[in-house]
């Protein structure tokens, strides 16, 4: 997908951490116009774009997008680098705090510290209570089955933006549950170092 130029007049506005992001829909997935993020973070756009395209984790996911018509302060004469919305949290977590404007540093620092807490809780918080595999896997299997039903129903019904957002939320929850179950299965099959 790198350096792929895409045009789309389908977009949505997504709220993220108190901000509204312009998200063109590319191949059925919302992408974030990174120029808007760079501007909000007071980053040098050209340098930040180069860093993003060369990033070992996110560079291969960058798509270039040109709006069909000018809106939201974006010109249809320019190409804009975009990143999938689901990758924005990880990208923000990876930013060197010294690359953003002074007035943004406190907000980004709080965000990154919250990410530390969430990741710690996700990976280590549950280790305090030892529960058998079947006690954890059975409810997950039921939850996965329920989310799959919700996803199929939402996919059939998605005609409006609100329904589409529900579809994406349910799909994301389903993927998280499946990943959680895979990790749980691996933890019972592989020896741990801790």
C-alpha atoms as a PDB file:
ATOM      1  CA  UNK A   1       0.000   0.000   0.000  1.00  0.00           C
ATOM      2  CA  UNK A   2       3.020   2.305   0.377  1.00  0.00           C
ATOM      3  CA  UNK A   3       2.896   5.326  -1.949  1.00  0.00           C
ATOM      4  CA  UNK A   4      -0.488   4.240  -3.251  1.00  0.00           C
ATOM      5  CA  UNK A   5      -2.511   7.310  -4.302  1.00  0.00           C
ATOM      6  CA  UNK A   6      -6.156   6.960  -3.437  1.00  0.00           C
ATOM      7  CA  UNK A   7      -9.064   9.288  -4.071  1.00  0.00           C
ATOM      8  CA  UNK A   8     -12.237   9.144  -2.068  1.00  0.00           C
ATOM      9  CA  UNK A   9     -15.152  11.427  -1.381  1.00  0.00           C
ATOM     10  CA  UNK A  10     -16.340   9.087   1.384  1.00  0.00           C
ATOM     11  CA  UNK A  11     -15.109  10.170   4.780  1.00  0.00           C
ATOM     12  CA  UNK A  12     -16.232  10.451   8.344  1.00  0.00           C
ATOM     13  CA  UNK A  13     -15.348  12.611  11.306  1.00  0.00           C
ATOM     14  CA  UNK A  14     -14.100  10.526  14.249  1.00  0.00           C
ATOM     15  CA  UNK A  15     -13.662  11.828  17.787  1.00  0.00           C
ATOM     16  CA  UNK A  16     -10.303  10.870  19.289  1.00  0.00           C
ATOM     17  CA  UNK A  17      -9.019  12.090  22.644  1.00  0.00           C
ATOM     18  CA  UNK A  18     -11.227  15.200  22.487  1.00  0.00           C
ATOM     19  CA  UNK A  19     -10.360  16.082  18.869  1.00  0.00           C
ATOM     20  CA  UNK A  20     -12.285  15.539  15.651  1.00  0.00           C
ATOM     21  CA  UNK A  21     -10.302  13.740  12.954  1.00  0.00           C
ATOM     22  CA  UNK A  22     -11.061  13.712   9.225  1.00  0.00           C
ATOM     23  CA  UNK A  23     -11.066  10.063   8.196  1.00  0.00           C
ATOM     24  CA  UNK A  24     -11.420   9.150   4.517  1.00  0.00           C
ATOM     25  CA  UNK A  25     -12.740   5.637   4.024  1.00  0.00           C
ATOM     26  CA  UNK A  26     -10.124   3.686   2.055  1.00  0.00           C
ATOM     27  CA  UNK A  27     -10.866   0.068   1.169  1.00  0.00           C
ATOM     28  CA  UNK A  28     -13.647   0.086   3.759  1.00  0.00           C
ATOM     29  CA  UNK A  29     -11.367   1.251   6.589  1.00  0.00           C
ATOM     30  CA  UNK A  30     -11.164   4.747   8.121  1.00  0.00           C
ATOM     31  CA  UNK A  31      -7.778   6.408   7.658  1.00  0.00           C
ATOM     32  CA  UNK A  32      -6.575   9.570   9.405  1.00  0.00           C
ATOM     33  CA  UNK A  33      -5.195  12.473   7.377  1.00  0.00           C
ATOM     34  CA  UNK A  34      -1.839  12.879   9.112  1.00  0.00           C
ATOM     35  CA  UNK A  35      -1.418  16.532   8.137  1.00  0.00           C
ATOM     36  CA  UNK A  36      -4.221  17.330  10.601  1.00  0.00           C
ATOM     37  CA  UNK A  37      -2.406  15.395  13.351  1.00  0.00           C
ATOM     38  CA  UNK A  38       0.965  16.959  12.526  1.00  0.00           C
ATOM     39  CA  UNK A  39      -0.617  20.434  12.667  1.00  0.00           C
ATOM     40  CA  UNK A  40      -2.341  19.722  16.001  1.00  0.00           C
ATOM     41  CA  UNK A  41       0.931  18.430  17.487  1.00  0.00           C
ATOM     42  CA  UNK A  42       2.857  21.440  16.111  1.00  0.00           C
ATOM     43  CA  UNK A  43       5.180  19.109  14.194  1.00  0.00           C
ATOM     44  CA  UNK A  44       7.131  20.054  11.077  1.00  0.00           C
ATOM     45  CA  UNK A  45       4.893  18.435   8.417  1.00  0.00           C
ATOM     46  CA  UNK A  46       7.577  17.545   5.878  1.00  0.00           C
ATOM     47  CA  UNK A  47       9.922  16.025   8.478  1.00  0.00           C
ATOM     48  CA  UNK A  48       7.075  14.214  10.273  1.00  0.00           C
ATOM     49  CA  UNK A  49       5.824  12.775   6.958  1.00  0.00           C
ATOM     50  CA  UNK A  50       9.318  11.468   6.152  1.00  0.00           C
ATOM     51  CA  UNK A  51       9.652   9.949   9.623  1.00  0.00           C
ATOM     52  CA  UNK A  52       6.238   8.305   9.322  1.00  0.00           C
ATOM     53  CA  UNK A  53       6.949   6.816   5.886  1.00  0.00           C
ATOM     54  CA  UNK A  54      10.290   5.443   7.155  1.00  0.00           C
ATOM     55  CA  UNK A  55       8.890   4.149  10.452  1.00  0.00           C
ATOM     56  CA  UNK A  56       9.577   0.398  10.836  1.00  0.00           C
ATOM     57  CA  UNK A  57       6.054  -0.382  12.088  1.00  0.00           C
ATOM     58  CA  UNK A  58       3.852   2.232  10.452  1.00  0.00           C
ATOM     59  CA  UNK A  59       5.644   3.140   7.214  1.00  0.00           C
ATOM     60  CA  UNK A  60       4.211   0.236   5.235  1.00  0.00           C
ATOM     61  CA  UNK A  61       0.671   1.247   6.246  1.00  0.00           C
ATOM     62  CA  UNK A  62       0.873   4.824   4.926  1.00  0.00           C
ATOM     63  CA  UNK A  63      -1.451   5.591   2.027  1.00  0.00           C
ATOM     64  CA  UNK A  64      -1.526   8.848   0.107  1.00  0.00           C
ATOM     65  CA  UNK A  65      -4.966  10.359  -0.369  1.00  0.00           C
ATOM     66  CA  UNK A  66      -6.236  13.219  -2.477  1.00  0.00           C
ATOM     67  CA  UNK A  67      -9.734  14.528  -1.715  1.00  0.00           C
ATOM     68  CA  UNK A  68     -12.137  14.606  -4.653  1.00  0.00           C
ATOM     69  CA  UNK A  69     -13.076  18.144  -3.626  1.00  0.00           C
ATOM     70  CA  UNK A  70     -11.540  20.637  -1.211  1.00  0.00           C
ATOM     71  CA  UNK A  71     -13.011  20.617   2.296  1.00  0.00           C
ATOM     72  CA  UNK A  72     -11.915  20.708   5.965  1.00  0.00           C
ATOM     73  CA  UNK A  73      -8.997  22.908   4.959  1.00  0.00           C
ATOM     74  CA  UNK A  74      -7.634  20.157   2.701  1.00  0.00           C
ATOM     75  CA  UNK A  75      -7.022  20.999  -0.944  1.00  0.00           C
ATOM     76  CA  UNK A  76      -7.856  18.606  -3.751  1.00  0.00           C
ATOM     77  CA  UNK A  77      -4.595  19.745  -5.380  1.00  0.00           C
ATOM     78  CA  UNK A  78      -2.430  17.993  -2.762  1.00  0.00           C
ATOM     79  CA  UNK A  79      -1.760  14.418  -1.719  1.00  0.00           C
ATOM     80  CA  UNK A  80      -1.979  13.720   2.008  1.00  0.00           C
ATOM     81  CA  UNK A  81      -0.318  10.859   3.884  1.00  0.00           C
ATOM     82  CA  UNK A  82      -2.866   8.825   5.830  1.00  0.00           C
ATOM     83  CA  UNK A  83      -2.587   6.112   8.459  1.00  0.00           C
ATOM     84  CA  UNK A  84      -5.321   3.634   9.407  1.00  0.00           C
ATOM     85  CA  UNK A  85      -7.318   4.996  12.340  1.00  0.00           C
ATOM     86  CA  UNK A  86      -6.673   1.797  14.293  1.00  0.00           C
ATOM     87  CA  UNK A  87      -2.905   2.545  14.171  1.00  0.00           C
ATOM     88  CA  UNK A  88      -3.078   6.139  15.464  1.00  0.00           C
ATOM     89  CA  UNK A  89      -2.905   5.214  19.160  1.00  0.00           C
ATOM     90  CA  UNK A  90       0.271   3.184  18.651  1.00  0.00           C
ATOM     91  CA  UNK A  91       1.837   5.884  16.500  1.00  0.00           C
ATOM     92  CA  UNK A  92       1.104   8.575  19.116  1.00  0.00           C
ATOM     93  CA  UNK A  93       2.634   6.308  21.749  1.00  0.00           C
ATOM     94  CA  UNK A  94       5.806   5.999  19.651  1.00  0.00           C
ATOM     95  CA  UNK A  95       6.376   9.745  19.163  1.00  0.00           C
ATOM     96  CA  UNK A  96       9.461  11.297  20.750  1.00  0.00           C
ATOM     97  CA  UNK A  97       8.045  14.011  23.007  1.00  0.00           C
ATOM     98  CA  UNK A  98      10.790  16.394  21.816  1.00  0.00           C
ATOM     99  CA  UNK A  99       9.357  16.383  18.277  1.00  0.00           C
ATOM    100  CA  UNK A 100       6.129  18.174  19.238  1.00  0.00           C
ATOM    101  CA  UNK A 101       5.349  21.780  20.160  1.00  0.00           C
ATOM    102  CA  UNK A 102       5.835  22.894  23.760  1.00  0.00           C
ATOM    103  CA  UNK A 103       2.112  23.499  24.327  1.00  0.00           C
ATOM    104  CA  UNK A 104       1.302  19.923  23.252  1.00  0.00           C
ATOM    105  CA  UNK A 105       3.948  18.127  25.348  1.00  0.00           C
ATOM    106  CA  UNK A 106       1.884  17.906  28.573  1.00  0.00           C
ATOM    107  CA  UNK A 107      -1.122  16.398  26.751  1.00  0.00           C
ATOM    108  CA  UNK A 108       0.995  13.901  24.801  1.00  0.00           C
ATOM    109  CA  UNK A 109       2.927  12.963  27.943  1.00  0.00           C
ATOM    110  CA  UNK A 110      -0.317  12.216  29.797  1.00  0.00           C
ATOM    111  CA  UNK A 111      -1.540  10.158  26.829  1.00  0.00           C
ATOM    112  CA  UNK A 112       1.688   8.134  26.658  1.00  0.00           C
ATOM    113  CA  UNK A 113       1.683   7.546  30.432  1.00  0.00           C
ATOM    114  CA  UNK A 114      -1.917   6.324  30.204  1.00  0.00           C
ATOM    115  CA  UNK A 115      -0.786   3.943  27.444  1.00  0.00           C
ATOM    116  CA  UNK A 116       1.924   2.638  29.807  1.00  0.00           C
ATOM    117  CA  UNK A 117      -0.730   1.939  32.446  1.00  0.00           C
ATOM    118  CA  UNK A 118      -3.115   0.262  30.005  1.00  0.00           C
ATOM    119  CA  UNK A 119      -0.378  -1.938  28.517  1.00  0.00           C
ATOM    120  CA  UNK A 120       0.905  -2.903  31.954  1.00  0.00           C
ATOM    121  CA  UNK A 121      -2.585  -3.801  33.131  1.00  0.00           C
ATOM    122  CA  UNK A 122      -3.287  -5.746  29.940  1.00  0.00           C
ATOM    123  CA  UNK A 123      -0.097  -7.790  30.008  1.00  0.00           C
ATOM    124  CA  UNK A 124       0.599  -8.123  33.746  1.00  0.00           C
ATOM    125  CA  UNK A 125      -2.522  -7.196  35.718  1.00  0.00           C
ATOM    126  CA  UNK A 126      -4.280 -10.501  35.182  1.00  0.00           C
ATOM    127  CA  UNK A 127      -1.333 -12.611  36.338  1.00  0.00           C
ATOM    128  CA  UNK A 128      -2.286 -12.068  40.010  1.00  0.00           C
ATOM    129  CA  UNK A 129      -5.257 -14.408  39.738  1.00  0.00           C
ATOM    130  CA  UNK A 130      -4.456 -17.874  38.428  1.00  0.00           C
ATOM    131  CA  UNK A 131      -7.466 -19.358  36.725  1.00  0.00           C
ATOM    132  CA  UNK A 132      -7.680 -22.527  34.680  1.00  0.00           C
ATOM    133  CA  UNK A 133      -7.771 -22.301  30.921  1.00  0.00           C
ATOM    134  CA  UNK A 134     -11.329 -23.613  30.637  1.00  0.00           C
ATOM    135  CA  UNK A 135     -12.625 -21.075  33.192  1.00  0.00           C
ATOM    136  CA  UNK A 136     -11.270 -18.269  31.026  1.00  0.00           C
ATOM    137  CA  UNK A 137     -11.764 -19.760  27.560  1.00  0.00           C
ATOM    138  CA  UNK A 138     -15.427 -20.771  27.822  1.00  0.00           C
ATOM    139  CA  UNK A 139     -16.737 -17.241  28.495  1.00  0.00           C
ATOM    140  CA  UNK A 140     -14.431 -15.902  25.773  1.00  0.00           C
ATOM    141  CA  UNK A 141     -15.787 -18.428  23.272  1.00  0.00           C
ATOM    142  CA  UNK A 142     -19.343 -17.342  24.067  1.00  0.00           C
ATOM    143  CA  UNK A 143     -18.363 -13.682  23.813  1.00  0.00           C
ATOM    144  CA  UNK A 144     -16.617 -14.295  20.475  1.00  0.00           C
ATOM    145  CA  UNK A 145     -19.689 -16.076  19.145  1.00  0.00           C
ATOM    146  CA  UNK A 146     -21.920 -13.177  20.256  1.00  0.00           C
ATOM    147  CA  UNK A 147     -19.599 -10.553  18.713  1.00  0.00           C
ATOM    148  CA  UNK A 148     -19.502 -12.520  15.443  1.00  0.00           C
ATOM    149  CA  UNK A 149     -23.331 -12.438  15.352  1.00  0.00           C
ATOM    150  CA  UNK A 150     -23.315  -8.687  16.082  1.00  0.00           C
ATOM    151  CA  UNK A 151     -20.700  -8.100  13.394  1.00  0.00           C
ATOM    152  CA  UNK A 152     -22.676 -10.024  10.755  1.00  0.00           C
ATOM    153  CA  UNK A 153     -25.870  -8.175  11.677  1.00  0.00           C
ATOM    154  CA  UNK A 154     -24.160  -4.784  11.635  1.00  0.00           C
ATOM    155  CA  UNK A 155     -22.430  -5.547   8.324  1.00  0.00           C
ATOM    156  CA  UNK A 156     -25.788  -6.303   6.694  1.00  0.00           C
ATOM    157  CA  UNK A 157     -27.353  -3.192   8.107  1.00  0.00           C
ATOM    158  CA  UNK A 158     -24.578  -0.647   7.555  1.00  0.00           C
ATOM    159  CA  UNK A 159     -26.023   2.018   5.327  1.00  0.00           C
ATOM    160  CA  UNK A 160     -25.429   5.123   7.407  1.00  0.00           C
ATOM    161  CA  UNK A 161     -22.222   6.372   9.006  1.00  0.00           C
ATOM    162  CA  UNK A 162     -23.467   5.623  12.526  1.00  0.00           C
ATOM    163  CA  UNK A 163     -24.187   2.016  11.595  1.00  0.00           C
ATOM    164  CA  UNK A 164     -20.802   1.752   9.918  1.00  0.00           C
ATOM    165  CA  UNK A 165     -19.064   2.983  13.077  1.00  0.00           C
ATOM    166  CA  UNK A 166     -20.946   0.300  15.024  1.00  0.00           C
ATOM    167  CA  UNK A 167     -19.751  -2.250  12.484  1.00  0.00           C
ATOM    168  CA  UNK A 168     -16.136  -1.171  12.922  1.00  0.00           C
ATOM    169  CA  UNK A 169     -16.436  -1.156  16.730  1.00  0.00           C
ATOM    170  CA  UNK A 170     -17.904  -4.667  16.820  1.00  0.00           C
ATOM    171  CA  UNK A 171     -15.303  -5.930  14.324  1.00  0.00           C
ATOM    172  CA  UNK A 172     -12.521  -4.438  16.475  1.00  0.00           C
ATOM    173  CA  UNK A 173     -13.960  -5.976  19.657  1.00  0.00           C
ATOM    174  CA  UNK A 174     -14.198  -9.342  17.912  1.00  0.00           C
ATOM    175  CA  UNK A 175     -10.552  -9.172  16.807  1.00  0.00           C
ATOM    176  CA  UNK A 176      -9.474  -8.233  20.352  1.00  0.00           C
ATOM    177  CA  UNK A 177     -11.403 -11.133  21.856  1.00  0.00           C
ATOM    178  CA  UNK A 178      -9.945 -13.601  19.364  1.00  0.00           C
ATOM    179  CA  UNK A 179      -6.436 -12.287  20.071  1.00  0.00           C
ATOM    180  CA  UNK A 180      -7.059 -12.520  23.808  1.00  0.00           C
ATOM    181  CA  UNK A 181      -8.127 -16.139  23.394  1.00  0.00           C
ATOM    182  CA  UNK A 182      -5.047 -16.932  21.219  1.00  0.00           C
ATOM    183  CA  UNK A 183      -2.767 -15.404  23.866  1.00  0.00           C
ATOM    184  CA  UNK A 184      -4.533 -17.344  26.560  1.00  0.00           C
ATOM    185  CA  UNK A 185      -4.097 -20.576  24.613  1.00  0.00           C
ATOM    186  CA  UNK A 186      -0.414 -19.795  24.038  1.00  0.00           C
ATOM    187  CA  UNK A 187       0.137 -19.014  27.712  1.00  0.00           C
ATOM    188  CA  UNK A 188      -1.079 -22.492  28.622  1.00  0.00           C
ATOM    189  CA  UNK A 189       1.059 -24.139  25.931  1.00  0.00           C
ATOM    190  CA  UNK A 190       4.312 -22.210  26.347  1.00  0.00           C
ATOM    191  CA  UNK A 191       6.466 -21.988  29.466  1.00  0.00           C
ATOM    192  CA  UNK A 192       6.595 -18.522  30.991  1.00  0.00           C
ATOM    193  CA  UNK A 193       9.682 -16.618  32.052  1.00  0.00           C
ATOM    194  CA  UNK A 194       8.018 -14.928  35.035  1.00  0.00           C
END
